[in-house]
Amino acid sequence: MPGLSLWLSPPPNSSLNPILTDLISTLSDTVADPPAPHFLPHITITSHIPTTSNPEEVVAFAAKYARDSQLKIQITGLDFGPAYLKKIFLRIEKSNQLTNLAENVRRKYACGQWYSLNDDEAAAQASEWVSSEYDPHLSLVYMDQWPLDHSQIETAEKMVDDAIVERAWYGGRIALYETQGPADQWKMLAFVDV
């Protein structure tokens, strides 16, 4: 992903955090051949944040929107797709709170700074992006193979059904990541818990 990426993860003390972390590791080792990279559970709020951005400023800006809206994240189901970063994933409700967070961060950092647009152009582009392109999800496996075979789908469905009982969380950890190169080389630059 170009530039930096802003992530939202379950709160560190949430019961979902270790469950999702374990599910990502287990699925990545079980379903993918060769094993897929392991990564922390997260929803990408936006990418294309310039590498010259101040990491603490970015997470503080995002945290304000998350706190003000009392952000609730709702898992709505399991899905599969052809994209490497969205092979096996959990769908996340596209709530007003989440889209407001994504749109405002995208407007200020991706559209305003990455694309060097003026305020009106940045707002219009961010609004269009959140309406037509933003698809909140929590990836469980990154891999190239497509289509998946029946046994991979069945295994993923069983593991997710067995592991995930709680399907929502409030707030979370907002973190800015450098996401250039392979997933195992991504680095967290700053975070704040909301």
Protein backbone atom coordinates (compact mmCIF):
# COMPACT_ATOMS: atom_id res chain seq x y z
CA MET A 1 0.00 0.00 0.00
CA PRO A 2 1.39 3.39 -0.88
CA GLY A 3 2.34 5.77 1.89
CA LEU A 4 1.38 5.07 5.48
CA SER A 5 -1.76 3.25 6.65
CA LEU A 6 -3.99 4.05 9.59
CA TRP A 7 -5.38 1.01 11.39
CA LEU A 8 -8.04 0.44 14.00
CA SER A 9 -7.61 -2.68 16.14
CA PRO A 10 -9.72 -4.08 18.96
CA PRO A 11 -8.74 -2.65 22.35
CA PRO A 12 -5.67 -4.46 23.73
CA ASN A 13 -7.68 -5.62 26.77
CA SER A 14 -10.62 -6.82 24.64
CA SER A 15 -11.39 -10.53 24.65
CA LEU A 16 -11.51 -10.34 20.84
CA ASN A 17 -7.91 -9.18 20.48
CA PRO A 18 -6.17 -12.47 21.40
CA ILE A 19 -8.90 -14.50 19.66
CA LEU A 20 -8.42 -12.62 16.38
CA THR A 21 -4.62 -12.69 16.70
CA ASP A 22 -4.68 -16.46 17.19
CA LEU A 23 -7.22 -16.92 14.38
CA ILE A 24 -5.02 -14.97 11.93
CA SER A 25 -1.96 -17.03 12.87
CA THR A 26 -3.76 -20.38 12.78
CA LEU A 27 -5.61 -19.71 9.51
CA SER A 28 -2.45 -18.33 7.88
CA ASP A 29 -0.57 -21.52 8.80
CA THR A 30 -3.45 -23.95 8.08
CA VAL A 31 -5.23 -22.66 4.99
CA ALA A 32 -2.35 -21.15 3.02
CA ASP A 33 0.34 -23.21 1.33
CA PRO A 34 3.01 -22.00 1.84
CA PRO A 35 1.97 -20.41 5.15
CA ALA A 36 0.83 -16.80 4.80
CA PRO A 37 2.27 -13.87 6.77
CA HIS A 38 1.06 -13.20 10.29
CA PHE A 39 -0.13 -9.69 11.18
CA LEU A 40 -2.10 -7.96 13.90
CA PRO A 41 -5.90 -7.82 13.65
CA HIS A 42 -6.99 -4.48 12.22
CA ILE A 43 -9.37 -2.54 10.03
CA THR A 44 -7.57 -0.22 7.63
CA ILE A 45 -9.11 3.23 8.07
CA THR A 46 -7.17 4.61 5.09
CA SER A 47 -3.85 4.37 3.31
CA HIS A 48 -2.07 6.97 1.16
CA ILE A 49 -1.02 9.00 4.19
CA PRO A 50 2.25 10.75 3.23
CA THR A 51 5.40 9.34 4.82
CA THR A 52 6.30 12.92 5.78
CA SER A 53 3.27 13.13 8.12
CA ASN A 54 3.85 13.46 11.85
CA PRO A 55 2.74 10.04 13.22
CA GLU A 56 1.60 11.39 16.61
CA GLU A 57 -0.43 14.13 14.91
CA VAL A 58 -2.16 11.64 12.60
CA VAL A 59 -3.22 9.27 15.40
CA ALA A 60 -4.31 12.18 17.62
CA PHE A 61 -6.46 13.59 14.80
CA ALA A 62 -8.08 10.20 14.20
CA ALA A 63 -8.54 9.55 17.92
CA LYS A 64 -10.57 12.76 18.28
CA TYR A 65 -13.14 11.50 15.74
CA ALA A 66 -13.21 8.03 17.28
CA ARG A 67 -13.75 9.39 20.81
CA ASP A 68 -16.34 11.99 19.77
CA SER A 69 -18.46 9.39 17.99
CA GLN A 70 -18.17 6.63 20.63
CA LEU A 71 -17.00 4.34 17.84
CA LYS A 72 -18.59 0.89 17.79
CA ILE A 73 -17.26 -1.83 15.49
CA GLN A 74 -19.62 -4.62 14.47
CA ILE A 75 -18.48 -7.81 12.70
CA THR A 76 -21.20 -8.79 10.22
CA GLY A 77 -19.82 -11.98 8.67
CA LEU A 78 -17.04 -13.93 6.99
CA ASP A 79 -16.19 -13.43 3.31
CA PHE A 80 -13.64 -14.38 0.67
CA GLY A 81 -12.20 -12.49 -2.30
CA PRO A 82 -9.53 -12.46 -5.00
CA ALA A 83 -7.45 -9.55 -3.61
CA TYR A 84 -4.22 -10.53 -1.81
CA LEU A 85 -4.98 -8.30 1.19
CA LYS A 86 -8.61 -9.38 1.28
CA LYS A 87 -8.50 -13.14 0.70
CA ILE A 88 -10.26 -14.38 3.85
CA PHE A 89 -11.78 -11.57 5.89
CA LEU A 90 -14.46 -10.45 8.30
CA ARG A 91 -16.93 -7.90 7.00
CA ILE A 92 -17.35 -4.87 9.24
CA GLU A 93 -20.52 -2.78 9.40
CA LYS A 94 -20.05 0.45 7.45
CA SER A 95 -21.46 2.57 10.27
CA ASN A 96 -21.75 6.35 10.26
CA GLN A 97 -19.11 6.56 13.01
CA LEU A 98 -16.60 4.47 11.07
CA THR A 99 -17.20 6.23 7.72
CA ASN A 100 -16.95 9.63 9.44
CA LEU A 101 -13.58 8.64 10.89
CA ALA A 102 -12.33 7.27 7.55
CA GLU A 103 -13.60 10.24 5.54
CA ASN A 104 -12.07 12.86 7.82
CA VAL A 105 -8.66 11.20 8.03
CA ARG A 106 -8.70 10.57 4.28
CA ARG A 107 -9.69 14.20 3.61
CA LYS A 108 -6.93 15.70 5.73
CA TYR A 109 -4.04 13.35 5.04
CA ALA A 110 -4.59 11.31 1.88
CA CYS A 111 -6.51 13.83 -0.22
CA GLY A 112 -5.17 17.03 1.30
CA GLN A 113 -1.51 16.08 1.61
CA TRP A 114 -0.91 13.01 -0.61
CA TYR A 115 -2.84 14.37 -3.60
CA SER A 116 -2.20 18.06 -2.73
CA LEU A 117 -5.84 19.07 -3.18
CA ASN A 118 -7.40 22.22 -1.74
CA ASP A 119 -9.93 21.86 1.11
CA ASP A 120 -13.04 21.67 -1.08
CA GLU A 121 -11.49 19.20 -3.54
CA ALA A 122 -10.14 17.07 -0.68
CA ALA A 123 -13.55 16.97 1.02
CA ALA A 124 -15.31 16.02 -2.22
CA GLN A 125 -12.78 13.31 -3.08
CA ALA A 126 -12.84 11.85 0.46
CA SER A 127 -16.64 11.80 0.43
CA GLU A 128 -16.70 10.04 -2.95
CA TRP A 129 -14.05 7.54 -1.80
CA VAL A 130 -15.92 6.62 1.39
CA SER A 131 -19.18 6.20 -0.58
CA SER A 132 -17.86 4.17 -3.50
CA GLU A 133 -14.60 2.50 -2.45
CA TYR A 134 -14.30 2.20 1.32
CA ASP A 135 -15.14 -1.36 2.33
CA PRO A 136 -14.35 -1.85 6.02
CA HIS A 137 -13.09 -5.33 6.79
CA LEU A 138 -10.71 -7.21 9.04
CA SER A 139 -8.43 -9.48 7.02
CA LEU A 140 -7.64 -12.92 8.40
CA VAL A 141 -5.35 -14.24 5.63
CA TYR A 142 -3.15 -12.55 3.03
CA MET A 143 -2.27 -14.84 0.13
CA ASP A 144 -2.15 -15.00 -3.67
CA GLN A 145 -4.18 -18.14 -4.38
CA TRP A 146 -7.58 -17.63 -6.01
CA PRO A 147 -10.01 -19.23 -6.16
CA LEU A 148 -9.90 -20.97 -2.82
CA ASP A 149 -10.82 -24.62 -2.81
CA HIS A 150 -13.80 -26.00 -0.92
CA SER A 151 -11.72 -27.40 1.94
CA GLN A 152 -10.03 -24.01 2.56
CA ILE A 153 -13.41 -22.26 2.72
CA GLU A 154 -14.86 -24.95 4.98
CA THR A 155 -11.85 -24.80 7.32
CA ALA A 156 -12.05 -21.00 7.55
CA GLU A 157 -15.79 -21.06 8.21
CA LYS A 158 -15.43 -23.67 10.99
CA MET A 159 -12.50 -21.91 12.65
CA VAL A 160 -14.26 -18.53 12.60
CA ASP A 161 -17.55 -19.99 13.88
CA ASP A 162 -15.71 -21.79 16.69
CA ALA A 163 -13.56 -18.81 17.67
CA ILE A 164 -15.72 -15.72 17.39
CA VAL A 165 -18.62 -15.46 19.79
CA GLU A 166 -18.38 -11.76 20.58
CA ARG A 167 -18.93 -9.76 17.37
CA ALA A 168 -18.52 -6.15 18.46
CA TRP A 169 -16.19 -3.80 20.28
CA TYR A 170 -16.07 -0.13 21.24
CA GLY A 171 -13.13 2.15 20.57
CA GLY A 172 -9.86 0.35 20.07
CA ARG A 173 -6.26 1.12 19.20
CA ILE A 174 -5.64 3.58 16.39
CA ALA A 175 -2.17 3.03 14.95
CA LEU A 176 -0.19 4.43 12.05
CA TYR A 177 1.84 1.86 10.14
CA GLU A 178 4.52 1.98 7.51
CA THR A 179 3.13 -0.63 5.09
CA GLN A 180 5.74 -0.72 2.35
CA GLY A 181 7.07 -4.15 1.39
CA PRO A 182 6.08 -7.55 2.81
CA ALA A 183 3.62 -7.68 5.72
CA ASP A 184 6.20 -9.11 8.12
CA GLN A 185 8.26 -5.92 7.66
CA TRP A 186 5.48 -3.42 8.41
CA LYS A 187 6.28 -1.11 11.33
CA MET A 188 4.05 0.71 13.78
CA LEU A 189 5.04 4.38 14.02
CA ALA A 190 2.54 5.64 16.62
CA PHE A 191 -0.64 4.58 18.38
CA VAL A 192 -3.29 5.81 20.76
CA ASP A 193 -5.98 3.84 22.57
CA VAL A 194 -9.51 5.24 22.42
